[in-house]
């Protein structure tokens, strides 16, 4: 058995017996991945896994454990505290508080979907209008602890036919409209977003095939690890890059995200306003063991599971000059306006 298989057996042995039981599907996936890990050589071929890496919302964990915790995990997994410091925190006397309870990723995301359906504001912008969003970002230098805040304001053309003003950590530029043979994935124009199904299973298949509405009789059971990785990329990108969606699409995306194997819950995550919540992140089996992925957390209020904001990490420079940052962000406001740079 490889060192990786031994490590996975050790983690599974130490898995919290009081955690919510795994469903049959997840249990079978765990067995399959653990079996594969046990038969892996000490120097596995990483070329295929490396090809699947994407610079968005990636956290690495070994394959068998990722499957085992897909139904949601728990206290004792890596804790990301205030300012992004990493450490381990086990359940203690305060484990009864909402942010500390064992909770499955699917429960959090299904509750978030239900909350969104009750509170979402229906919007139907015209194709010639713009969606204005204001995002607040707080960034912390991991080495020095220095903090900096940014206000990013975007004006995105509804149908993509006009140039849009977009910002990233305080820097803005005019983004030209898509050309005749150009497209963007995951989609951001409302013409495509309106066509995406609001049933979570159909949404998964639509994102898998990049087709929009999909009436094929495909089964989620037939989706492989690489395809699940691609589906997560599309769902996470959709939820992060499109803060305002057609009615019903965001709840469906939350529910669909909860169906992705390797999605898990992490307690005690601070958002940009200092609130403690439960976060959802993803252990991508396509990232080789020992290689870090791009960290991405969706943070939810611990009781209602209302969405609070994001936690991401980024780096700049290289070698000795490389700097690493933890980003906490949230959507401050949004509106539909008639022209770019027009504030509501």
C-alpha atoms as a PDB file:
ATOM      1  CA  UNK A   1       0.000   0.000   0.000  1.00  0.00           C
ATOM      2  CA  UNK A   2       1.303   3.489  -0.796  1.00  0.00           C
ATOM      3  CA  UNK A   3       2.030   6.115   1.862  1.00  0.00           C
ATOM      4  CA  UNK A   4      -0.975   8.006   0.510  1.00  0.00           C
ATOM      5  CA  UNK A   5      -3.259   5.008   1.104  1.00  0.00           C
ATOM      6  CA  UNK A   6      -1.918   4.581   4.637  1.00  0.00           C
ATOM      7  CA  UNK A   7      -2.490   8.252   5.379  1.00  0.00           C
ATOM      8  CA  UNK A   8      -6.063   7.998   4.131  1.00  0.00           C
ATOM      9  CA  UNK A   9      -6.772   4.931   6.252  1.00  0.00           C
ATOM     10  CA  UNK A  10      -5.399   6.774   9.280  1.00  0.00           C
ATOM     11  CA  UNK A  11      -7.614   9.795   8.659  1.00  0.00           C
ATOM     12  CA  UNK A  12     -10.665   7.615   8.057  1.00  0.00           C
ATOM     13  CA  UNK A  13      -9.966   5.692  11.288  1.00  0.00           C
ATOM     14  CA  UNK A  14      -9.894   8.992  13.173  1.00  0.00           C
ATOM     15  CA  UNK A  15     -13.069  10.233  11.486  1.00  0.00           C
ATOM     16  CA  UNK A  16     -15.579  11.573  14.024  1.00  0.00           C
ATOM     17  CA  UNK A  17     -18.018   8.766  14.825  1.00  0.00           C
ATOM     18  CA  UNK A  18     -20.629  11.298  15.881  1.00  0.00           C
ATOM     19  CA  UNK A  19     -20.641  13.013  12.497  1.00  0.00           C
ATOM     20  CA  UNK A  20     -23.735  12.690  10.285  1.00  0.00           C
ATOM     21  CA  UNK A  21     -23.683   9.266   8.571  1.00  0.00           C
ATOM     22  CA  UNK A  22     -22.659   9.078   4.931  1.00  0.00           C
ATOM     23  CA  UNK A  23     -25.348   8.290   2.395  1.00  0.00           C
ATOM     24  CA  UNK A  24     -25.039   5.139   0.271  1.00  0.00           C
ATOM     25  CA  UNK A  25     -23.785   6.962  -2.818  1.00  0.00           C
ATOM     26  CA  UNK A  26     -21.056   8.801  -0.939  1.00  0.00           C
ATOM     27  CA  UNK A  27     -20.076   5.644   0.919  1.00  0.00           C
ATOM     28  CA  UNK A  28     -19.582   3.795  -2.378  1.00  0.00           C
ATOM     29  CA  UNK A  29     -17.513   6.659  -3.791  1.00  0.00           C
ATOM     30  CA  UNK A  30     -15.373   6.620  -0.642  1.00  0.00           C
ATOM     31  CA  UNK A  31     -14.774   2.895  -0.971  1.00  0.00           C
ATOM     32  CA  UNK A  32     -13.898   3.233  -4.644  1.00  0.00           C
ATOM     33  CA  UNK A  33     -11.449   6.070  -4.067  1.00  0.00           C
ATOM     34  CA  UNK A  34      -9.855   4.394  -1.065  1.00  0.00           C
ATOM     35  CA  UNK A  35      -9.450   1.175  -3.055  1.00  0.00           C
ATOM     36  CA  UNK A  36      -7.811   3.133  -5.850  1.00  0.00           C
ATOM     37  CA  UNK A  37      -5.505   4.862  -3.389  1.00  0.00           C
ATOM     38  CA  UNK A  38      -4.497   1.513  -1.887  1.00  0.00           C
ATOM     39  CA  UNK A  39      -3.440   0.200  -5.291  1.00  0.00           C
ATOM     40  CA  UNK A  40      -1.587   3.355  -6.337  1.00  0.00           C
ATOM     41  CA  UNK A  41       2.183   3.094  -6.680  1.00  0.00           C
ATOM     42  CA  UNK A  42       4.461   5.235  -4.556  1.00  0.00           C
ATOM     43  CA  UNK A  43       5.115   7.508  -7.534  1.00  0.00           C
ATOM     44  CA  UNK A  44       1.757   7.949  -9.302  1.00  0.00           C
ATOM     45  CA  UNK A  45       1.436   9.577 -12.681  1.00  0.00           C
ATOM     46  CA  UNK A  46       0.388  13.180 -11.978  1.00  0.00           C
ATOM     47  CA  UNK A  47       0.179  14.479 -15.531  1.00  0.00           C
ATOM     48  CA  UNK A  48      -3.554  13.932 -15.883  1.00  0.00           C
ATOM     49  CA  UNK A  49      -4.293  15.488 -12.511  1.00  0.00           C
ATOM     50  CA  UNK A  50      -2.095  18.459 -13.231  1.00  0.00           C
ATOM     51  CA  UNK A  51      -3.962  19.110 -16.468  1.00  0.00           C
ATOM     52  CA  UNK A  52      -7.173  19.495 -14.482  1.00  0.00           C
ATOM     53  CA  UNK A  53      -5.951  22.346 -12.281  1.00  0.00           C
ATOM     54  CA  UNK A  54      -7.838  25.613 -12.460  1.00  0.00           C
ATOM     55  CA  UNK A  55      -6.918  28.880 -10.727  1.00  0.00           C
ATOM     56  CA  UNK A  56     -10.190  29.176  -8.866  1.00  0.00           C
ATOM     57  CA  UNK A  57     -11.522  27.825  -5.575  1.00  0.00           C
ATOM     58  CA  UNK A  58      -9.165  24.884  -5.207  1.00  0.00           C
ATOM     59  CA  UNK A  59      -8.171  23.164  -1.960  1.00  0.00           C
ATOM     60  CA  UNK A  60      -6.158  19.916  -2.061  1.00  0.00           C
ATOM     61  CA  UNK A  61      -6.993  16.819  -0.004  1.00  0.00           C
ATOM     62  CA  UNK A  62      -6.300  13.184  -0.759  1.00  0.00           C
ATOM     63  CA  UNK A  63      -8.894  11.458  -2.921  1.00  0.00           C
ATOM     64  CA  UNK A  64     -10.261   8.811  -0.549  1.00  0.00           C
ATOM     65  CA  UNK A  65     -10.760  11.265   2.299  1.00  0.00           C
ATOM     66  CA  UNK A  66     -12.351  13.778  -0.063  1.00  0.00           C
ATOM     67  CA  UNK A  67     -15.026  11.247  -0.930  1.00  0.00           C
ATOM     68  CA  UNK A  68     -15.513  10.229   2.682  1.00  0.00           C
ATOM     69  CA  UNK A  69     -16.218  13.790   3.762  1.00  0.00           C
ATOM     70  CA  UNK A  70     -18.318  14.738   0.750  1.00  0.00           C
ATOM     71  CA  UNK A  71     -21.456  14.515   2.871  1.00  0.00           C
ATOM     72  CA  UNK A  72     -19.865  17.023   5.215  1.00  0.00           C
ATOM     73  CA  UNK A  73     -17.342  17.009   7.901  1.00  0.00           C
ATOM     74  CA  UNK A  74     -15.942  18.359  10.439  1.00  0.00           C
ATOM     75  CA  UNK A  75     -14.321  19.732  13.409  1.00  0.00           C
ATOM     76  CA  UNK A  76     -10.702  18.655  13.501  1.00  0.00           C
ATOM     77  CA  UNK A  77     -10.088  19.435   9.826  1.00  0.00           C
ATOM     78  CA  UNK A  78      -7.888  22.447   9.040  1.00  0.00           C
ATOM     79  CA  UNK A  79      -9.114  25.612  10.726  1.00  0.00           C
ATOM     80  CA  UNK A  80      -8.605  28.939   8.986  1.00  0.00           C
ATOM     81  CA  UNK A  81      -8.736  31.563  11.642  1.00  0.00           C
ATOM     82  CA  UNK A  82      -8.821  35.301  11.631  1.00  0.00           C
ATOM     83  CA  UNK A  83      -6.367  36.710   9.136  1.00  0.00           C
ATOM     84  CA  UNK A  84      -6.133  33.363   7.365  1.00  0.00           C
ATOM     85  CA  UNK A  85      -3.790  31.573   9.750  1.00  0.00           C
ATOM     86  CA  UNK A  86      -3.862  27.800   9.415  1.00  0.00           C
ATOM     87  CA  UNK A  87      -3.904  25.394  12.312  1.00  0.00           C
ATOM     88  CA  UNK A  88      -5.918  22.548  13.773  1.00  0.00           C
ATOM     89  CA  UNK A  89      -8.761  23.007  16.167  1.00  0.00           C
ATOM     90  CA  UNK A  90     -10.684  20.143  17.678  1.00  0.00           C
ATOM     91  CA  UNK A  91     -14.154  20.291  19.150  1.00  0.00           C
ATOM     92  CA  UNK A  92     -14.059  21.642  22.680  1.00  0.00           C
ATOM     93  CA  UNK A  93     -16.423  22.981  25.328  1.00  0.00           C
ATOM     94  CA  UNK A  94     -17.863  25.522  22.910  1.00  0.00           C
ATOM     95  CA  UNK A  95     -18.822  22.930  20.320  1.00  0.00           C
ATOM     96  CA  UNK A  96     -22.511  23.497  20.959  1.00  0.00           C
ATOM     97  CA  UNK A  97     -22.507  26.937  19.329  1.00  0.00           C
ATOM     98  CA  UNK A  98     -23.981  27.053  15.802  1.00  0.00           C
ATOM     99  CA  UNK A  99     -20.630  27.741  14.133  1.00  0.00           C
ATOM    100  CA  UNK A 100     -19.029  24.743  15.896  1.00  0.00           C
ATOM    101  CA  UNK A 101     -21.645  22.048  15.280  1.00  0.00           C
ATOM    102  CA  UNK A 102     -20.936  19.242  12.873  1.00  0.00           C
ATOM    103  CA  UNK A 103     -22.881  20.048   9.739  1.00  0.00           C
ATOM    104  CA  UNK A 104     -22.858  18.617   6.255  1.00  0.00           C
ATOM    105  CA  UNK A 105     -22.056  20.712   3.211  1.00  0.00           C
ATOM    106  CA  UNK A 106     -25.290  19.591   1.598  1.00  0.00           C
ATOM    107  CA  UNK A 107     -27.316  20.760   4.606  1.00  0.00           C
ATOM    108  CA  UNK A 108     -25.670  24.179   4.554  1.00  0.00           C
ATOM    109  CA  UNK A 109     -26.159  24.621   0.815  1.00  0.00           C
ATOM    110  CA  UNK A 110     -29.746  23.341   0.802  1.00  0.00           C
ATOM    111  CA  UNK A 111     -30.574  25.743   3.644  1.00  0.00           C
ATOM    112  CA  UNK A 112     -28.829  28.556   1.751  1.00  0.00           C
ATOM    113  CA  UNK A 113     -30.943  27.748  -1.300  1.00  0.00           C
ATOM    114  CA  UNK A 114     -34.147  27.805   0.750  1.00  0.00           C
ATOM    115  CA  UNK A 115     -33.178  31.143   2.315  1.00  0.00           C
ATOM    116  CA  UNK A 116     -32.370  32.583  -1.111  1.00  0.00           C
ATOM    117  CA  UNK A 117     -35.720  31.484  -2.540  1.00  0.00           C
ATOM    118  CA  UNK A 118     -37.557  33.202   0.315  1.00  0.00           C
ATOM    119  CA  UNK A 119     -35.617  36.452   0.016  1.00  0.00           C
ATOM    120  CA  UNK A 120     -34.361  36.808  -3.557  1.00  0.00           C
ATOM    121  CA  UNK A 121     -35.528  39.850  -5.476  1.00  0.00           C
ATOM    122  CA  UNK A 122     -36.790  39.076  -8.962  1.00  0.00           C
ATOM    123  CA  UNK A 123     -35.112  41.220 -11.602  1.00  0.00           C
ATOM    124  CA  UNK A 124     -35.558  41.313 -15.382  1.00  0.00           C
ATOM    125  CA  UNK A 125     -33.150  43.849 -16.876  1.00  0.00           C
ATOM    126  CA  UNK A 126     -33.409  44.916 -20.509  1.00  0.00           C
ATOM    127  CA  UNK A 127     -30.659  43.783 -22.847  1.00  0.00           C
ATOM    128  CA  UNK A 128     -29.440  47.376 -23.292  1.00  0.00           C
ATOM    129  CA  UNK A 129     -28.998  47.956 -19.537  1.00  0.00           C
ATOM    130  CA  UNK A 130     -26.158  47.287 -17.105  1.00  0.00           C
ATOM    131  CA  UNK A 131     -25.947  45.389 -13.825  1.00  0.00           C
ATOM    132  CA  UNK A 132     -24.108  47.509 -11.253  1.00  0.00           C
ATOM    133  CA  UNK A 133     -22.412  45.782  -8.309  1.00  0.00           C
ATOM    134  CA  UNK A 134     -20.368  47.152  -5.420  1.00  0.00           C
ATOM    135  CA  UNK A 135     -18.045  44.712  -3.668  1.00  0.00           C
ATOM    136  CA  UNK A 136     -15.979  45.325  -0.538  1.00  0.00           C
ATOM    137  CA  UNK A 137     -12.651  43.485  -0.295  1.00  0.00           C
ATOM    138  CA  UNK A 138     -10.334  43.279   2.710  1.00  0.00           C
ATOM    139  CA  UNK A 139      -6.888  41.888   1.988  1.00  0.00           C
ATOM    140  CA  UNK A 140      -4.297  40.722   4.522  1.00  0.00           C
ATOM    141  CA  UNK A 141      -0.625  40.093   3.764  1.00  0.00           C
ATOM    142  CA  UNK A 142       0.052  36.636   5.205  1.00  0.00           C
ATOM    143  CA  UNK A 143       3.669  37.445   6.097  1.00  0.00           C
ATOM    144  CA  UNK A 144       3.312  40.911   7.624  1.00  0.00           C
ATOM    145  CA  UNK A 145      -0.327  41.017   8.662  1.00  0.00           C
ATOM    146  CA  UNK A 146      -0.741  44.356   6.884  1.00  0.00           C
ATOM    147  CA  UNK A 147      -4.335  44.971   5.852  1.00  0.00           C
ATOM    148  CA  UNK A 148      -5.794  46.931   2.970  1.00  0.00           C
ATOM    149  CA  UNK A 149      -9.367  47.499   1.819  1.00  0.00           C
ATOM    150  CA  UNK A 150     -10.746  47.979  -1.683  1.00  0.00           C
ATOM    151  CA  UNK A 151     -14.081  48.975  -3.159  1.00  0.00           C
ATOM    152  CA  UNK A 152     -14.692  47.339  -6.527  1.00  0.00           C
ATOM    153  CA  UNK A 153     -17.548  48.674  -8.656  1.00  0.00           C
ATOM    154  CA  UNK A 154     -18.586  46.892 -11.849  1.00  0.00           C
ATOM    155  CA  UNK A 155     -21.006  47.811 -14.604  1.00  0.00           C
ATOM    156  CA  UNK A 156     -21.618  44.736 -16.767  1.00  0.00           C
ATOM    157  CA  UNK A 157     -23.562  44.892 -20.009  1.00  0.00           C
ATOM    158  CA  UNK A 158     -26.674  42.728 -19.637  1.00  0.00           C
ATOM    159  CA  UNK A 159     -26.408  41.058 -23.040  1.00  0.00           C
ATOM    160  CA  UNK A 160     -22.653  41.587 -23.479  1.00  0.00           C
ATOM    161  CA  UNK A 161     -23.118  43.756 -26.552  1.00  0.00           C
ATOM    162  CA  UNK A 162     -21.645  46.881 -24.918  1.00  0.00           C
ATOM    163  CA  UNK A 163     -18.313  47.406 -23.231  1.00  0.00           C
ATOM    164  CA  UNK A 164     -18.369  46.889 -19.469  1.00  0.00           C
ATOM    165  CA  UNK A 165     -16.422  48.518 -16.664  1.00  0.00           C
ATOM    166  CA  UNK A 166     -14.865  45.906 -14.368  1.00  0.00           C
ATOM    167  CA  UNK A 167     -12.604  46.219 -11.339  1.00  0.00           C
ATOM    168  CA  UNK A 168     -10.285  43.898  -9.437  1.00  0.00           C
ATOM    169  CA  UNK A 169      -8.720  44.890  -6.092  1.00  0.00           C
ATOM    170  CA  UNK A 170      -9.056  48.562  -6.882  1.00  0.00           C
ATOM    171  CA  UNK A 171      -7.929  48.484 -10.518  1.00  0.00           C
ATOM    172  CA  UNK A 172     -10.523  49.088 -13.225  1.00  0.00           C
ATOM    173  CA  UNK A 173     -10.650  48.789 -16.993  1.00  0.00           C
ATOM    174  CA  UNK A 174     -13.061  48.746 -19.910  1.00  0.00           C
ATOM    175  CA  UNK A 175     -13.838  45.210 -21.052  1.00  0.00           C
ATOM    176  CA  UNK A 176     -14.852  45.104 -24.731  1.00  0.00           C
ATOM    177  CA  UNK A 177     -17.973  43.210 -25.781  1.00  0.00           C
ATOM    178  CA  UNK A 178     -17.541  39.631 -26.912  1.00  0.00           C
ATOM    179  CA  UNK A 179     -16.768  39.145 -30.578  1.00  0.00           C
ATOM    180  CA  UNK A 180     -18.921  37.222 -33.014  1.00  0.00           C
ATOM    181  CA  UNK A 181     -17.220  33.880 -32.359  1.00  0.00           C
ATOM    182  CA  UNK A 182     -16.278  34.524 -28.737  1.00  0.00           C
ATOM    183  CA  UNK A 183     -17.903  33.133 -25.625  1.00  0.00           C
ATOM    184  CA  UNK A 184     -17.317  33.116 -21.873  1.00  0.00           C
ATOM    185  CA  UNK A 185     -17.622  30.220 -19.452  1.00  0.00           C
ATOM    186  CA  UNK A 186     -19.163  30.162 -16.995  1.00  0.00           C
ATOM    187  CA  UNK A 187     -21.622  32.522 -18.703  1.00  0.00           C
ATOM    188  CA  UNK A 188     -22.257  36.030 -17.412  1.00  0.00           C
ATOM    189  CA  UNK A 189     -24.617  37.457 -20.034  1.00  0.00           C
ATOM    190  CA  UNK A 190     -28.292  37.299 -19.129  1.00  0.00           C
ATOM    191  CA  UNK A 191     -29.271  35.827 -22.470  1.00  0.00           C
ATOM    192  CA  UNK A 192     -27.420  32.630 -21.532  1.00  0.00           C
ATOM    193  CA  UNK A 193     -28.167  32.810 -17.800  1.00  0.00           C
ATOM    194  CA  UNK A 194     -31.909  32.943 -18.457  1.00  0.00           C
ATOM    195  CA  UNK A 195     -31.657  29.642 -20.331  1.00  0.00           C
ATOM    196  CA  UNK A 196     -29.938  27.745 -17.542  1.00  0.00           C
ATOM    197  CA  UNK A 197     -32.304  25.361 -15.715  1.00  0.00           C
ATOM    198  CA  UNK A 198     -33.304  26.008 -12.111  1.00  0.00           C
ATOM    199  CA  UNK A 199     -33.458  22.295 -11.310  1.00  0.00           C
ATOM    200  CA  UNK A 200     -30.108  21.427  -9.665  1.00  0.00           C
ATOM    201  CA  UNK A 201     -29.570  18.093 -11.447  1.00  0.00           C
ATOM    202  CA  UNK A 202     -30.427  19.573 -14.843  1.00  0.00           C
ATOM    203  CA  UNK A 203     -28.180  22.533 -14.057  1.00  0.00           C
ATOM    204  CA  UNK A 204     -25.274  20.176 -13.369  1.00  0.00           C
ATOM    205  CA  UNK A 205     -25.786  18.422 -16.705  1.00  0.00           C
ATOM    206  CA  UNK A 206     -26.146  21.737 -18.518  1.00  0.00           C
ATOM    207  CA  UNK A 207     -22.869  22.980 -17.061  1.00  0.00           C
ATOM    208  CA  UNK A 208     -21.195  19.657 -17.825  1.00  0.00           C
ATOM    209  CA  UNK A 209     -22.182  19.796 -21.479  1.00  0.00           C
ATOM    210  CA  UNK A 210     -21.962  23.607 -21.667  1.00  0.00           C
ATOM    211  CA  UNK A 211     -25.251  23.566 -23.526  1.00  0.00           C
ATOM    212  CA  UNK A 212     -27.726  25.579 -21.508  1.00  0.00           C
ATOM    213  CA  UNK A 213     -30.981  23.618 -21.007  1.00  0.00           C
ATOM    214  CA  UNK A 214     -30.260  19.924 -21.391  1.00  0.00           C
ATOM    215  CA  UNK A 215     -32.962  17.313 -21.932  1.00  0.00           C
ATOM    216  CA  UNK A 216     -30.671  14.314 -22.331  1.00  0.00           C
ATOM    217  CA  UNK A 217     -31.305  11.394 -20.011  1.00  0.00           C
ATOM    218  CA  UNK A 218     -27.816  11.457 -18.527  1.00  0.00           C
ATOM    219  CA  UNK A 219     -27.342  10.277 -14.960  1.00  0.00           C
ATOM    220  CA  UNK A 220     -25.240  11.965 -12.304  1.00  0.00           C
ATOM    221  CA  UNK A 221     -23.983   8.471 -11.407  1.00  0.00           C
ATOM    222  CA  UNK A 222     -22.107   8.347 -14.724  1.00  0.00           C
ATOM    223  CA  UNK A 223     -20.069  11.513 -14.030  1.00  0.00           C
ATOM    224  CA  UNK A 224     -16.361  10.903 -13.431  1.00  0.00           C
ATOM    225  CA  UNK A 225     -13.891  12.721 -11.181  1.00  0.00           C
ATOM    226  CA  UNK A 226     -12.521  14.966 -13.931  1.00  0.00           C
ATOM    227  CA  UNK A 227     -16.050  15.930 -14.955  1.00  0.00           C
ATOM    228  CA  UNK A 228     -17.039  16.661 -11.343  1.00  0.00           C
ATOM    229  CA  UNK A 229     -13.967  18.875 -11.092  1.00  0.00           C
ATOM    230  CA  UNK A 230     -15.083  20.757 -14.206  1.00  0.00           C
ATOM    231  CA  UNK A 231     -18.650  21.022 -12.881  1.00  0.00           C
ATOM    232  CA  UNK A 232     -17.393  22.485  -9.609  1.00  0.00           C
ATOM    233  CA  UNK A 233     -15.315  24.994 -11.549  1.00  0.00           C
ATOM    234  CA  UNK A 234     -18.413  26.105 -13.457  1.00  0.00           C
ATOM    235  CA  UNK A 235     -20.684  26.264 -10.399  1.00  0.00           C
ATOM    236  CA  UNK A 236     -18.151  28.098  -8.235  1.00  0.00           C
ATOM    237  CA  UNK A 237     -17.363  30.493 -11.061  1.00  0.00           C
ATOM    238  CA  UNK A 238     -21.050  31.120 -11.651  1.00  0.00           C
ATOM    239  CA  UNK A 239     -21.696  31.880  -7.977  1.00  0.00           C
ATOM    240  CA  UNK A 240     -18.615  34.094  -7.636  1.00  0.00           C
ATOM    241  CA  UNK A 241     -18.662  35.970 -10.929  1.00  0.00           C
ATOM    242  CA  UNK A 242     -22.407  36.552 -11.275  1.00  0.00           C
ATOM    243  CA  UNK A 243     -23.615  38.243  -8.067  1.00  0.00           C
ATOM    244  CA  UNK A 244     -27.014  39.018  -9.609  1.00  0.00           C
ATOM    245  CA  UNK A 245     -28.850  36.188 -11.395  1.00  0.00           C
ATOM    246  CA  UNK A 246     -32.238  35.430 -12.908  1.00  0.00           C
ATOM    247  CA  UNK A 247     -34.787  34.270 -10.342  1.00  0.00           C
ATOM    248  CA  UNK A 248     -34.270  30.721  -9.094  1.00  0.00           C
ATOM    249  CA  UNK A 249     -30.806  30.223 -10.574  1.00  0.00           C
ATOM    250  CA  UNK A 250     -28.720  30.961  -7.474  1.00  0.00           C
ATOM    251  CA  UNK A 251     -30.732  28.597  -5.227  1.00  0.00           C
ATOM    252  CA  UNK A 252     -30.356  25.879  -7.855  1.00  0.00           C
ATOM    253  CA  UNK A 253     -26.605  26.544  -8.033  1.00  0.00           C
ATOM    254  CA  UNK A 254     -26.302  26.194  -4.235  1.00  0.00           C
ATOM    255  CA  UNK A 255     -28.156  22.866  -4.319  1.00  0.00           C
ATOM    256  CA  UNK A 256     -26.092  21.666  -7.268  1.00  0.00           C
ATOM    257  CA  UNK A 257     -22.869  22.593  -5.461  1.00  0.00           C
ATOM    258  CA  UNK A 258     -24.000  20.430  -2.550  1.00  0.00           C
ATOM    259  CA  UNK A 259     -24.152  17.428  -4.891  1.00  0.00           C
ATOM    260  CA  UNK A 260     -20.495  17.679  -5.930  1.00  0.00           C
ATOM    261  CA  UNK A 261     -18.341  14.969  -4.279  1.00  0.00           C
ATOM    262  CA  UNK A 262     -15.508  16.584  -2.337  1.00  0.00           C
ATOM    263  CA  UNK A 263     -17.465  19.656  -1.241  1.00  0.00           C
ATOM    264  CA  UNK A 264     -17.241  19.983   2.526  1.00  0.00           C
ATOM    265  CA  UNK A 265     -18.116  22.232   5.439  1.00  0.00           C
ATOM    266  CA  UNK A 266     -15.503  23.996   7.604  1.00  0.00           C
ATOM    267  CA  UNK A 267     -16.587  25.654  10.880  1.00  0.00           C
ATOM    268  CA  UNK A 268     -15.422  28.917  12.435  1.00  0.00           C
ATOM    269  CA  UNK A 269     -14.630  31.021   9.391  1.00  0.00           C
ATOM    270  CA  UNK A 270     -14.567  34.811   9.767  1.00  0.00           C
ATOM    271  CA  UNK A 271     -16.081  36.971   7.050  1.00  0.00           C
ATOM    272  CA  UNK A 272     -15.069  40.508   6.076  1.00  0.00           C
ATOM    273  CA  UNK A 273     -17.299  41.974   8.804  1.00  0.00           C
ATOM    274  CA  UNK A 274     -15.780  39.785  11.512  1.00  0.00           C
ATOM    275  CA  UNK A 275     -18.790  37.465  11.759  1.00  0.00           C
ATOM    276  CA  UNK A 276     -18.109  33.779  12.443  1.00  0.00           C
ATOM    277  CA  UNK A 277     -19.797  31.376  10.066  1.00  0.00           C
ATOM    278  CA  UNK A 278     -19.549  27.976   8.452  1.00  0.00           C
ATOM    279  CA  UNK A 279     -17.722  27.797   5.132  1.00  0.00           C
ATOM    280  CA  UNK A 280     -18.056  25.533   2.124  1.00  0.00           C
ATOM    281  CA  UNK A 281     -14.945  24.550   0.210  1.00  0.00           C
ATOM    282  CA  UNK A 282     -13.888  21.880  -2.275  1.00  0.00           C
ATOM    283  CA  UNK A 283     -11.266  19.136  -2.176  1.00  0.00           C
ATOM    284  CA  UNK A 284     -10.357  18.633  -5.815  1.00  0.00           C
ATOM    285  CA  UNK A 285      -9.149  15.096  -6.591  1.00  0.00           C
ATOM    286  CA  UNK A 286      -7.569  16.404  -9.791  1.00  0.00           C
ATOM    287  CA  UNK A 287      -4.937  18.313  -7.796  1.00  0.00           C
ATOM    288  CA  UNK A 288      -1.982  16.040  -6.958  1.00  0.00           C
ATOM    289  CA  UNK A 289      -1.455  15.179  -3.312  1.00  0.00           C
ATOM    290  CA  UNK A 290       0.913  17.654  -1.701  1.00  0.00           C
ATOM    291  CA  UNK A 291       0.173  20.463  -4.150  1.00  0.00           C
ATOM    292  CA  UNK A 292      -1.882  23.359  -2.865  1.00  0.00           C
ATOM    293  CA  UNK A 293      -4.813  24.698  -4.809  1.00  0.00           C
ATOM    294  CA  UNK A 294      -6.323  28.129  -4.979  1.00  0.00           C
ATOM    295  CA  UNK A 295      -8.221  28.533  -1.698  1.00  0.00           C
ATOM    296  CA  UNK A 296     -11.865  29.422  -1.943  1.00  0.00           C
ATOM    297  CA  UNK A 297     -14.515  29.465   0.786  1.00  0.00           C
ATOM    298  CA  UNK A 298     -18.195  30.381   0.590  1.00  0.00           C
ATOM    299  CA  UNK A 299     -19.068  31.610   4.098  1.00  0.00           C
ATOM    300  CA  UNK A 300     -22.588  31.223   5.500  1.00  0.00           C
ATOM    301  CA  UNK A 301     -24.303  32.431   8.668  1.00  0.00           C
ATOM    302  CA  UNK A 302     -24.235  29.440  11.066  1.00  0.00           C
ATOM    303  CA  UNK A 303     -27.947  29.342  11.956  1.00  0.00           C
ATOM    304  CA  UNK A 304     -29.920  30.379   8.875  1.00  0.00           C
ATOM    305  CA  UNK A 305     -27.078  29.564   6.416  1.00  0.00           C
ATOM    306  CA  UNK A 306     -27.612  32.914   4.720  1.00  0.00           C
ATOM    307  CA  UNK A 307     -24.666  33.691   2.464  1.00  0.00           C
ATOM    308  CA  UNK A 308     -22.214  36.176   3.999  1.00  0.00           C
ATOM    309  CA  UNK A 309     -19.255  36.415   1.640  1.00  0.00           C
ATOM    310  CA  UNK A 310     -16.097  34.834   0.252  1.00  0.00           C
ATOM    311  CA  UNK A 311     -12.650  33.963   1.523  1.00  0.00           C
ATOM    312  CA  UNK A 312      -9.962  33.590  -1.141  1.00  0.00           C
ATOM    313  CA  UNK A 313      -6.187  33.630  -1.382  1.00  0.00           C
ATOM    314  CA  UNK A 314      -3.944  35.162  -4.015  1.00  0.00           C
ATOM    315  CA  UNK A 315      -0.254  35.701  -4.636  1.00  0.00           C
ATOM    316  CA  UNK A 316       1.800  38.278  -6.515  1.00  0.00           C
ATOM    317  CA  UNK A 317       5.382  38.225  -7.712  1.00  0.00           C
ATOM    318  CA  UNK A 318       7.582  35.130  -7.709  1.00  0.00           C
ATOM    319  CA  UNK A 319      10.583  33.657  -5.953  1.00  0.00           C
ATOM    320  CA  UNK A 320      11.832  35.755  -3.041  1.00  0.00           C
ATOM    321  CA  UNK A 321       9.488  38.565  -4.075  1.00  0.00           C
ATOM    322  CA  UNK A 322       6.322  36.461  -3.884  1.00  0.00           C
ATOM    323  CA  UNK A 323       3.665  37.841  -1.566  1.00  0.00           C
ATOM    324  CA  UNK A 324       0.604  35.915  -0.414  1.00  0.00           C
ATOM    325  CA  UNK A 325      -2.676  37.488   0.613  1.00  0.00           C
ATOM    326  CA  UNK A 326      -5.926  36.398   2.225  1.00  0.00           C
ATOM    327  CA  UNK A 327      -8.990  38.118   0.786  1.00  0.00           C
ATOM    328  CA  UNK A 328     -12.351  38.499   2.509  1.00  0.00           C
ATOM    329  CA  UNK A 329     -15.095  40.008   0.384  1.00  0.00           C
ATOM    330  CA  UNK A 330     -18.838  40.562   0.230  1.00  0.00           C
ATOM    331  CA  UNK A 331     -21.412  42.144  -2.055  1.00  0.00           C
ATOM    332  CA  UNK A 332     -22.343  45.531  -0.596  1.00  0.00           C
ATOM    333  CA  UNK A 333     -25.056  46.532  -3.079  1.00  0.00           C
ATOM    334  CA  UNK A 334     -26.330  46.070  -6.618  1.00  0.00           C
ATOM    335  CA  UNK A 335     -28.782  47.667  -9.046  1.00  0.00           C
ATOM    336  CA  UNK A 336     -29.847  47.716 -12.680  1.00  0.00           C
ATOM    337  CA  UNK A 337     -28.912  50.972 -14.426  1.00  0.00           C
ATOM    338  CA  UNK A 338     -29.179  52.394 -17.930  1.00  0.00           C
ATOM    339  CA  UNK A 339     -25.527  53.141 -18.656  1.00  0.00           C
ATOM    340  CA  UNK A 340     -22.019  52.303 -17.513  1.00  0.00           C
ATOM    341  CA  UNK A 341     -20.626  54.396 -14.625  1.00  0.00           C
ATOM    342  CA  UNK A 342     -24.173  55.378 -13.611  1.00  0.00           C
ATOM    343  CA  UNK A 343     -24.668  54.892  -9.870  1.00  0.00           C
ATOM    344  CA  UNK A 344     -28.077  54.006  -8.467  1.00  0.00           C
END
